[in-house]
Amino acid sequence: MQKLLIIGCKRTMNDVCIACSRCMVGFNRREGEFGRYQDVDTELVGILNCGDCPGASIVPRLAMMKVWNIPVSEKITKIHVAPCITDHCPYKDVLIQKIKAKAGVEVILGAHPYQPENIFA
């Protein structure tokens, strides 16, 4: 079974993205980058924010996520980096590099496909 963690931007998650609904809907519908799990037994274990700009605390936050889930026997097998980071974060290159270097699992860039092409069309 695949056990997923989604990492998003703290500022977007707190101020813009209501309850991270688009990531969760994309996962539930297996759309966007979650389409790869269409016929795979997969659970969403958590949604973690980057820790705020410039993402300096992402590695300790990943470690805390691992430790926090030991009592419930959950182990992350894949990480998805949400569009609020991959498409909008000025620190994304360094942040993604840190995640890939320390996670020890596959890191997938992207989550839901629900980005509007334009705002006022």
C-alpha atoms as a PDB file:
ATOM      1  CA  MET A   1       0.000   0.000   0.000  1.00  0.00           C
ATOM      2  CA  GLN A   2       1.169   3.513  -0.806  1.00  0.00           C
ATOM      3  CA  LYS A   3       1.131   6.061   2.039  1.00  0.00           C
ATOM      4  CA  LEU A   4       1.280   9.659   0.842  1.00  0.00           C
ATOM      5  CA  LEU A   5       2.382  12.923   2.382  1.00  0.00           C
ATOM      6  CA  ILE A   6       1.608  16.214   0.657  1.00  0.00           C
ATOM      7  CA  ILE A   7       3.908  19.173   1.326  1.00  0.00           C
ATOM      8  CA  GLY A   8       2.545  22.644   0.648  1.00  0.00           C
ATOM      9  CA  CYS A   9       3.378  26.287   1.210  1.00  0.00           C
ATOM     10  CA  LYS A  10       2.638  27.470   4.757  1.00  0.00           C
ATOM     11  CA  ARG A  11       1.501  30.910   3.667  1.00  0.00           C
ATOM     12  CA  THR A  12      -0.776  29.590   0.947  1.00  0.00           C
ATOM     13  CA  MET A  13      -2.178  26.876   3.201  1.00  0.00           C
ATOM     14  CA  ASN A  14      -2.906  29.396   5.977  1.00  0.00           C
ATOM     15  CA  ASP A  15      -4.163  32.335   3.925  1.00  0.00           C
ATOM     16  CA  VAL A  16      -5.409  31.201   0.518  1.00  0.00           C
ATOM     17  CA  CYS A  17      -6.121  27.507   0.112  1.00  0.00           C
ATOM     18  CA  ILE A  18      -9.236  26.664   2.087  1.00  0.00           C
ATOM     19  CA  ALA A  19      -8.555  23.446   4.034  1.00  0.00           C
ATOM     20  CA  CYS A  20      -6.206  22.254   1.261  1.00  0.00           C
ATOM     21  CA  SER A  21      -9.401  21.111  -0.421  1.00  0.00           C
ATOM     22  CA  ARG A  22      -7.996  20.949  -3.957  1.00  0.00           C
ATOM     23  CA  CYS A  23      -5.185  18.588  -2.954  1.00  0.00           C
ATOM     24  CA  MET A  24      -7.620  16.393  -1.072  1.00  0.00           C
ATOM     25  CA  VAL A  25     -10.228  16.393  -3.858  1.00  0.00           C
ATOM     26  CA  GLY A  26      -7.504  15.605  -6.413  1.00  0.00           C
ATOM     27  CA  PHE A  27      -6.333  12.704  -4.268  1.00  0.00           C
ATOM     28  CA  ASN A  28      -9.856  11.363  -3.707  1.00  0.00           C
ATOM     29  CA  ARG A  29     -10.667  11.568  -7.437  1.00  0.00           C
ATOM     30  CA  ARG A  30      -7.179  10.324  -8.437  1.00  0.00           C
ATOM     31  CA  GLU A  31      -6.723  13.325 -10.739  1.00  0.00           C
ATOM     32  CA  GLY A  32      -3.589  15.262 -11.622  1.00  0.00           C
ATOM     33  CA  GLU A  33      -0.414  13.673 -10.286  1.00  0.00           C
ATOM     34  CA  PHE A  34      -2.597  11.435  -8.124  1.00  0.00           C
ATOM     35  CA  GLY A  35      -3.788   9.677 -11.283  1.00  0.00           C
ATOM     36  CA  ARG A  36      -0.860   7.284 -10.911  1.00  0.00           C
ATOM     37  CA  TYR A  37      -2.731   5.677  -7.991  1.00  0.00           C
ATOM     38  CA  GLN A  38      -5.917   4.935  -9.964  1.00  0.00           C
ATOM     39  CA  ASP A  39      -5.626   1.189  -9.425  1.00  0.00           C
ATOM     40  CA  VAL A  40      -3.260   1.232  -6.442  1.00  0.00           C
ATOM     41  CA  ASP A  41      -4.251   0.880  -2.799  1.00  0.00           C
ATOM     42  CA  THR A  42      -3.254   4.316  -1.494  1.00  0.00           C
ATOM     43  CA  GLU A  43      -3.923   6.418   1.613  1.00  0.00           C
ATOM     44  CA  LEU A  44      -3.250  10.058   2.370  1.00  0.00           C
ATOM     45  CA  VAL A  45      -1.380  10.083   5.681  1.00  0.00           C
ATOM     46  CA  GLY A  46      -0.888  13.816   6.046  1.00  0.00           C
ATOM     47  CA  ILE A  47      -0.500  17.306   4.677  1.00  0.00           C
ATOM     48  CA  LEU A  48       2.566  19.163   5.940  1.00  0.00           C
ATOM     49  CA  ASN A  49       3.505  22.768   5.341  1.00  0.00           C
ATOM     50  CA  CYS A  50       7.047  23.829   4.489  1.00  0.00           C
ATOM     51  CA  GLY A  51       7.552  25.686   7.775  1.00  0.00           C
ATOM     52  CA  ASP A  52       7.443  29.165   6.162  1.00  0.00           C
ATOM     53  CA  CYS A  53       9.851  31.035   3.912  1.00  0.00           C
ATOM     54  CA  PRO A  54      12.497  30.156   2.956  1.00  0.00           C
ATOM     55  CA  GLY A  55      11.689  26.563   3.943  1.00  0.00           C
ATOM     56  CA  ALA A  56      14.662  26.234   6.283  1.00  0.00           C
ATOM     57  CA  SER A  57      12.752  23.977   8.683  1.00  0.00           C
ATOM     58  CA  ILE A  58      11.476  21.423   6.153  1.00  0.00           C
ATOM     59  CA  VAL A  59      13.989  18.717   7.122  1.00  0.00           C
ATOM     60  CA  PRO A  60      13.202  18.854  10.881  1.00  0.00           C
ATOM     61  CA  ARG A  61       9.484  18.954  10.028  1.00  0.00           C
ATOM     62  CA  LEU A  62       9.855  15.785   7.926  1.00  0.00           C
ATOM     63  CA  ALA A  63      11.692  14.132  10.824  1.00  0.00           C
ATOM     64  CA  MET A  64       8.916  15.176  13.228  1.00  0.00           C
ATOM     65  CA  MET A  65       6.333  13.750  10.827  1.00  0.00           C
ATOM     66  CA  LYS A  66       8.158  10.416  10.866  1.00  0.00           C
ATOM     67  CA  VAL A  67       8.445  10.337  14.669  1.00  0.00           C
ATOM     68  CA  TRP A  68       4.857  11.524  15.166  1.00  0.00           C
ATOM     69  CA  ASN A  69       3.545   8.576  13.122  1.00  0.00           C
ATOM     70  CA  ILE A  70       5.571   5.832  14.839  1.00  0.00           C
ATOM     71  CA  PRO A  71       2.902   5.147  17.520  1.00  0.00           C
ATOM     72  CA  VAL A  72       0.234   4.648  14.843  1.00  0.00           C
ATOM     73  CA  SER A  73       2.507   2.526  12.606  1.00  0.00           C
ATOM     74  CA  GLU A  74       2.277   4.789   9.576  1.00  0.00           C
ATOM     75  CA  LYS A  75       5.257   5.112   7.257  1.00  0.00           C
ATOM     76  CA  ILE A  76       5.289   7.531   4.331  1.00  0.00           C
ATOM     77  CA  THR A  77       6.138   5.863   1.009  1.00  0.00           C
ATOM     78  CA  LYS A  78       5.802   8.858  -1.349  1.00  0.00           C
ATOM     79  CA  ILE A  79       5.774  12.626  -1.033  1.00  0.00           C
ATOM     80  CA  HIS A  80       3.863  14.978  -3.319  1.00  0.00           C
ATOM     81  CA  VAL A  81       4.986  18.608  -3.465  1.00  0.00           C
ATOM     82  CA  ALA A  82       1.841  20.703  -4.003  1.00  0.00           C
ATOM     83  CA  PRO A  83       1.352  23.298  -6.753  1.00  0.00           C
ATOM     84  CA  CYS A  84       1.519  26.123  -4.194  1.00  0.00           C
ATOM     85  CA  ILE A  85       5.244  25.275  -4.036  1.00  0.00           C
ATOM     86  CA  THR A  86       6.015  23.861  -7.496  1.00  0.00           C
ATOM     87  CA  ASP A  87       4.254  26.669  -9.367  1.00  0.00           C
ATOM     88  CA  HIS A  88       4.565  29.694  -7.079  1.00  0.00           C
ATOM     89  CA  CYS A  89       7.352  29.445  -4.493  1.00  0.00           C
ATOM     90  CA  PRO A  90      10.461  31.581  -5.050  1.00  0.00           C
ATOM     91  CA  TYR A  91      12.423  29.081  -2.901  1.00  0.00           C
ATOM     92  CA  LYS A  92      11.096  25.960  -4.642  1.00  0.00           C
ATOM     93  CA  ASP A  93      14.411  24.773  -6.099  1.00  0.00           C
ATOM     94  CA  VAL A  94      16.216  24.735  -2.750  1.00  0.00           C
ATOM     95  CA  LEU A  95      13.163  23.433  -0.902  1.00  0.00           C
ATOM     96  CA  ILE A  96      12.608  20.540  -3.323  1.00  0.00           C
ATOM     97  CA  GLN A  97      16.328  19.733  -3.264  1.00  0.00           C
ATOM     98  CA  LYS A  98      16.224  19.461   0.553  1.00  0.00           C
ATOM     99  CA  ILE A  99      13.136  17.245   0.478  1.00  0.00           C
ATOM    100  CA  LYS A 100      14.638  14.921  -2.137  1.00  0.00           C
ATOM    101  CA  ALA A 101      17.973  14.751  -0.306  1.00  0.00           C
ATOM    102  CA  LYS A 102      16.500  13.771   3.059  1.00  0.00           C
ATOM    103  CA  ALA A 103      13.107  12.114   2.519  1.00  0.00           C
ATOM    104  CA  GLY A 104      14.377   8.683   1.520  1.00  0.00           C
ATOM    105  CA  VAL A 105      11.239   8.091  -0.568  1.00  0.00           C
ATOM    106  CA  GLU A 106      10.096   9.113  -4.046  1.00  0.00           C
ATOM    107  CA  VAL A 107       9.276  12.821  -4.290  1.00  0.00           C
ATOM    108  CA  ILE A 108       6.680  13.734  -6.922  1.00  0.00           C
ATOM    109  CA  LEU A 109       6.318  17.315  -8.097  1.00  0.00           C
ATOM    110  CA  GLY A 110       2.646  18.160  -8.285  1.00  0.00           C
ATOM    111  CA  ALA A 111      -0.676  17.157  -6.819  1.00  0.00           C
ATOM    112  CA  HIS A 112      -4.074  18.391  -8.065  1.00  0.00           C
ATOM    113  CA  PRO A 113      -4.735  19.676 -11.612  1.00  0.00           C
ATOM    114  CA  TYR A 114      -7.061  22.511 -10.633  1.00  0.00           C
ATOM    115  CA  GLN A 115      -4.974  25.570 -11.499  1.00  0.00           C
ATOM    116  CA  PRO A 116      -7.003  28.196 -13.366  1.00  0.00           C
ATOM    117  CA  GLU A 117      -5.535  29.241 -16.713  1.00  0.00           C
ATOM    118  CA  ASN A 118      -6.574  32.828 -16.055  1.00  0.00           C
ATOM    119  CA  ILE A 119      -8.508  34.656 -13.411  1.00  0.00           C
ATOM    120  CA  PHE A 120     -10.905  36.975 -15.238  1.00  0.00           C
ATOM    121  CA  ALA A 121     -11.923  34.930 -18.279  1.00  0.00           C
END
